[in-house]
Amino acid sequence: MVAPVMRIVIAGGHGKIARELTRILAADQHEVVGLIRKPEQSADLMVDGAIPEVVDLESASVDEVAKILKGADAAVFAAGAGPGSGKERKETVDLGAAVLLADAAESAGVERFIQISSMGNDLVRDGAIPEGMDEVFVAYLRAKLAAEEDLKTRGLKWTIVRPGQLTDDAGSGLVRLDLVEERGPVPRADVAAVLAELLRTGAGARQLLNLISGDVPVKDAVAAFA
């Protein structure tokens, strides 16, 4: 049986995981829309097989983003302030843009929502500041945790994925996907493969999943959360 073609909107469409995910989805003939902040990134997205949409999630309105999401089957939050950004942009991108995309998804009637988060968020729960941790990284973890907590309150069919230490190694197709956090590395290619499988199957709804390299094939790892 041929899987139905989906329309998937990815925020942070020029990021490494997002581009890997786009190539997987486009190869399966799904329609991918990549939200980007810089017009000059459009060409890369088109090469990957995506439709670029230039929108600044730090300043856009819910209505503006909802118009792009209208008719989509799923939204993926893969955006981030990135290395070198300060505390303020952790707040406006890693938290603010995530909340905006979720608001827009609800407004547009898009139920499926996948959010890429980060391991270690629980270290800063209840305002804790781990000894010796850089204040910008503390701000990052707090923003990611707050974005998770916001998403959990919504009626969306959300999945939060917390990958371990990201690498640019070739994907092995073997992972450990679990409700319990265990630290370890994971190639971005394998993160993208897991995201694609979550989208294809609808598995993992309303669950927070921790992802590192392991010994279970991606399809089997995801199927465990169907």
Protein backbone atom coordinates (compact mmCIF):
# COMPACT_ATOMS: atom_id res chain seq x y z
CA MET A 1 0.00 0.00 0.00
CA VAL A 2 1.39 3.40 -1.01
CA ALA A 3 1.59 5.90 1.85
CA PRO A 4 -0.39 9.11 1.29
CA VAL A 5 1.55 12.19 0.26
CA MET A 6 1.89 14.68 3.11
CA ARG A 7 2.57 18.41 3.26
CA ILE A 8 5.08 19.12 6.01
CA VAL A 9 6.27 22.54 7.17
CA ILE A 10 9.71 22.70 8.81
CA ALA A 11 10.76 25.74 10.84
CA GLY A 12 14.51 26.28 10.71
CA GLY A 13 14.52 24.74 7.26
CA HIS A 14 18.18 25.50 6.54
CA GLY A 15 19.51 23.71 9.63
CA LYS A 16 21.50 20.51 9.24
CA ILE A 17 18.84 18.18 10.66
CA ALA A 18 16.09 19.99 8.75
CA ARG A 19 17.92 19.64 5.44
CA GLU A 20 18.56 15.93 6.06
CA LEU A 21 14.87 15.49 6.89
CA THR A 22 13.80 17.43 3.80
CA ARG A 23 15.86 15.19 1.52
CA ILE A 24 14.33 12.04 3.04
CA LEU A 25 10.77 13.35 2.77
CA ALA A 26 11.22 14.77 -0.72
CA ALA A 27 12.63 11.43 -1.92
CA ASP A 28 9.34 9.88 -0.77
CA GLN A 29 7.44 12.50 -2.81
CA HIS A 30 6.12 14.44 0.19
CA GLU A 31 5.73 18.19 -0.15
CA VAL A 32 8.11 20.01 2.18
CA VAL A 33 7.95 23.71 2.99
CA GLY A 34 11.03 25.11 4.70
CA LEU A 35 10.72 28.25 6.78
CA ILE A 36 13.91 30.33 6.54
CA ARG A 37 14.96 33.78 7.72
CA LYS A 38 17.46 34.58 4.96
CA PRO A 39 16.35 34.76 1.31
CA GLU A 40 19.79 33.61 0.16
CA GLN A 41 19.12 30.19 1.75
CA SER A 42 16.27 29.53 -0.70
CA ALA A 43 18.47 27.95 -3.37
CA ASP A 44 19.80 25.31 -0.97
CA LEU A 45 16.28 24.32 0.05
CA MET A 46 15.14 24.01 -3.55
CA VAL A 47 18.09 21.73 -4.27
CA ASP A 48 16.98 19.58 -1.33
CA GLY A 49 13.46 19.41 -2.75
CA ALA A 50 11.71 21.91 -0.47
CA ILE A 51 9.60 24.98 -1.14
CA PRO A 52 11.27 27.89 0.69
CA GLU A 53 9.18 30.40 2.61
CA VAL A 54 11.03 33.43 3.97
CA VAL A 55 9.63 34.39 7.37
CA ASP A 56 11.28 35.70 10.53
CA LEU A 57 9.81 33.72 13.43
CA GLU A 58 11.14 36.32 15.87
CA SER A 59 8.90 39.03 14.42
CA ALA A 60 6.14 37.30 12.44
CA SER A 61 2.55 37.16 13.67
CA VAL A 62 0.60 33.98 14.35
CA ASP A 63 -1.67 34.77 11.39
CA GLU A 64 1.28 35.15 9.02
CA VAL A 65 2.68 31.75 9.95
CA ALA A 66 -0.77 30.11 10.07
CA LYS A 67 -1.32 31.08 6.42
CA ILE A 68 1.79 29.09 5.47
CA LEU A 69 0.70 26.15 7.64
CA LYS A 70 -2.85 26.02 6.23
CA GLY A 71 -3.46 22.62 4.69
CA ALA A 72 -0.30 21.05 6.14
CA ASP A 73 -0.35 17.58 7.66
CA ALA A 74 2.43 18.30 10.14
CA ALA A 75 4.75 20.99 11.47
CA VAL A 76 8.31 20.39 12.65
CA PHE A 77 10.18 22.83 14.88
CA ALA A 78 13.85 22.46 13.99
CA ALA A 79 14.87 26.10 14.49
CA GLY A 80 17.41 27.38 16.99
CA ALA A 81 19.34 30.53 17.80
CA GLY A 82 22.53 28.60 17.16
CA PRO A 83 26.11 28.83 18.45
CA GLY A 84 27.37 32.31 19.20
CA SER A 85 23.95 33.75 20.01
CA GLY A 86 23.29 35.35 23.39
CA LYS A 87 20.73 34.74 26.11
CA GLU A 88 18.17 37.03 24.50
CA ARG A 89 17.99 35.02 21.28
CA LYS A 90 17.67 31.76 23.20
CA GLU A 91 14.50 33.30 24.57
CA THR A 92 13.18 34.67 21.27
CA VAL A 93 14.06 31.69 19.06
CA ASP A 94 14.37 28.49 21.09
CA LEU A 95 11.31 29.42 23.14
CA GLY A 96 9.47 32.25 21.40
CA ALA A 97 9.59 30.84 17.88
CA ALA A 98 8.58 27.38 19.12
CA VAL A 99 5.53 28.82 20.87
CA LEU A 100 4.67 30.89 17.79
CA LEU A 101 4.80 27.83 15.52
CA ALA A 102 2.59 25.85 17.90
CA ASP A 103 0.12 28.75 18.09
CA ALA A 104 0.07 28.93 14.30
CA ALA A 105 -0.40 25.16 13.97
CA GLU A 106 -3.43 25.31 16.24
CA SER A 107 -4.81 28.30 14.34
CA ALA A 108 -4.35 26.52 10.99
CA GLY A 109 -5.79 23.22 12.20
CA VAL A 110 -2.52 21.28 11.92
CA GLU A 111 -2.65 18.59 14.60
CA ARG A 112 0.72 16.84 14.18
CA PHE A 113 3.66 18.73 15.68
CA ILE A 114 7.21 17.49 16.23
CA GLN A 115 9.65 19.53 18.27
CA ILE A 116 13.40 18.97 18.35
CA SER A 117 14.58 19.71 21.86
CA SER A 118 17.73 18.99 23.85
CA MET A 119 18.96 16.58 26.49
CA GLY A 120 19.90 18.11 29.84
CA ASN A 121 16.87 20.37 30.11
CA ASP A 122 15.86 18.83 33.41
CA LEU A 123 19.10 20.12 34.95
CA VAL A 124 17.59 23.61 35.05
CA ARG A 125 14.11 22.64 36.17
CA ASP A 126 12.70 24.77 38.99
CA GLY A 127 15.28 27.48 38.33
CA ALA A 128 18.32 25.35 39.14
CA ILE A 129 21.72 26.54 37.87
CA PRO A 130 24.20 23.64 37.55
CA GLU A 131 27.57 24.52 39.06
CA GLY A 132 30.07 25.75 36.51
CA MET A 133 27.61 25.84 33.62
CA ASP A 134 27.89 28.79 31.22
CA GLU A 135 25.02 31.27 31.68
CA VAL A 136 24.19 31.27 27.96
CA PHE A 137 23.89 27.48 27.97
CA VAL A 138 21.69 27.70 31.06
CA ALA A 139 19.47 30.13 29.14
CA TYR A 140 19.37 27.71 26.21
CA LEU A 141 18.29 24.77 28.38
CA ARG A 142 15.69 26.90 30.14
CA ALA A 143 14.27 28.03 26.79
CA LYS A 144 14.12 24.47 25.49
CA LEU A 145 12.47 23.24 28.69
CA ALA A 146 9.90 26.05 28.61
CA ALA A 147 9.09 25.25 24.98
CA GLU A 148 8.54 21.62 25.94
CA GLU A 149 6.29 22.55 28.85
CA ASP A 150 4.25 24.86 26.62
CA LEU A 151 3.77 22.16 24.00
CA LYS A 152 2.66 19.60 26.56
CA THR A 153 -0.32 21.78 27.51
CA ARG A 154 -1.74 21.76 23.99
CA GLY A 155 -4.21 19.44 22.31
CA LEU A 156 -1.84 18.85 19.39
CA LYS A 157 -0.56 15.38 18.56
CA TRP A 158 2.89 16.48 19.64
CA THR A 159 6.13 14.56 19.91
CA ILE A 160 9.22 16.00 21.59
CA VAL A 161 12.54 14.49 20.53
CA ARG A 162 15.59 15.10 22.72
CA PRO A 163 18.68 14.01 20.77
CA GLY A 164 22.00 13.41 22.44
CA GLN A 165 25.30 14.96 21.35
CA LEU A 166 24.86 15.71 17.66
CA THR A 167 27.54 14.66 15.18
CA ASP A 168 27.99 14.95 11.44
CA ASP A 169 28.95 11.27 11.12
CA ALA A 170 27.19 9.15 8.53
CA GLY A 171 23.96 7.69 9.83
CA SER A 172 24.02 4.03 10.86
CA GLY A 173 20.25 3.55 10.92
CA LEU A 174 20.62 2.08 14.41
CA VAL A 175 19.37 4.06 17.40
CA ARG A 176 18.19 3.98 20.98
CA LEU A 177 14.82 5.74 21.34
CA ASP A 178 13.57 5.77 24.92
CA LEU A 179 11.42 7.54 27.47
CA VAL A 180 14.41 7.57 29.82
CA GLU A 181 17.31 9.92 29.16
CA GLU A 182 20.68 8.29 28.57
CA ARG A 183 23.51 10.46 27.30
CA GLY A 184 25.43 9.64 24.16
CA PRO A 185 26.14 10.83 20.62
CA VAL A 186 23.86 10.53 17.61
CA PRO A 187 24.45 11.51 13.97
CA ARG A 188 22.15 14.21 12.63
CA ALA A 189 21.32 11.86 9.76
CA ASP A 190 19.86 9.34 12.22
CA VAL A 191 17.88 12.06 13.99
CA ALA A 192 16.38 13.04 10.63
CA ALA A 193 15.57 9.40 9.86
CA VAL A 194 13.72 9.05 13.17
CA LEU A 195 11.79 12.28 12.55
CA ALA A 196 10.80 11.08 9.09
CA GLU A 197 9.57 7.76 10.48
CA LEU A 198 7.59 9.52 13.22
CA LEU A 199 5.92 11.63 10.53
CA ARG A 200 5.21 8.66 8.27
CA THR A 201 3.68 6.52 10.99
CA GLY A 202 2.17 9.01 13.43
CA ALA A 203 3.93 7.14 16.24
CA GLY A 204 5.09 8.86 19.42
CA ALA A 205 2.08 11.12 19.83
CA ARG A 206 2.09 13.01 23.14
CA GLN A 207 5.42 11.48 24.17
CA LEU A 208 8.86 12.89 24.99
CA LEU A 209 11.50 10.64 23.42
CA ASN A 210 15.24 10.58 24.05
CA LEU A 211 17.42 9.64 21.09
CA ILE A 212 21.02 8.43 20.86
CA SER A 213 22.88 5.91 18.72
CA GLY A 214 22.08 2.32 19.61
CA ASP A 215 21.45 -1.08 18.11
CA VAL A 216 17.79 -0.95 17.04
CA PRO A 217 16.81 -0.16 13.42
CA VAL A 218 15.01 3.17 13.12
CA LYS A 219 11.70 1.62 11.97
CA ASP A 220 11.63 -0.81 14.89
CA ALA A 221 12.63 1.88 17.40
CA VAL A 222 9.80 4.14 16.25
CA ALA A 223 7.27 1.31 16.00
CA ALA A 224 7.71 0.69 19.72
CA PHE A 225 5.90 4.01 20.30
CA ALA A 226 3.03 3.45 17.87
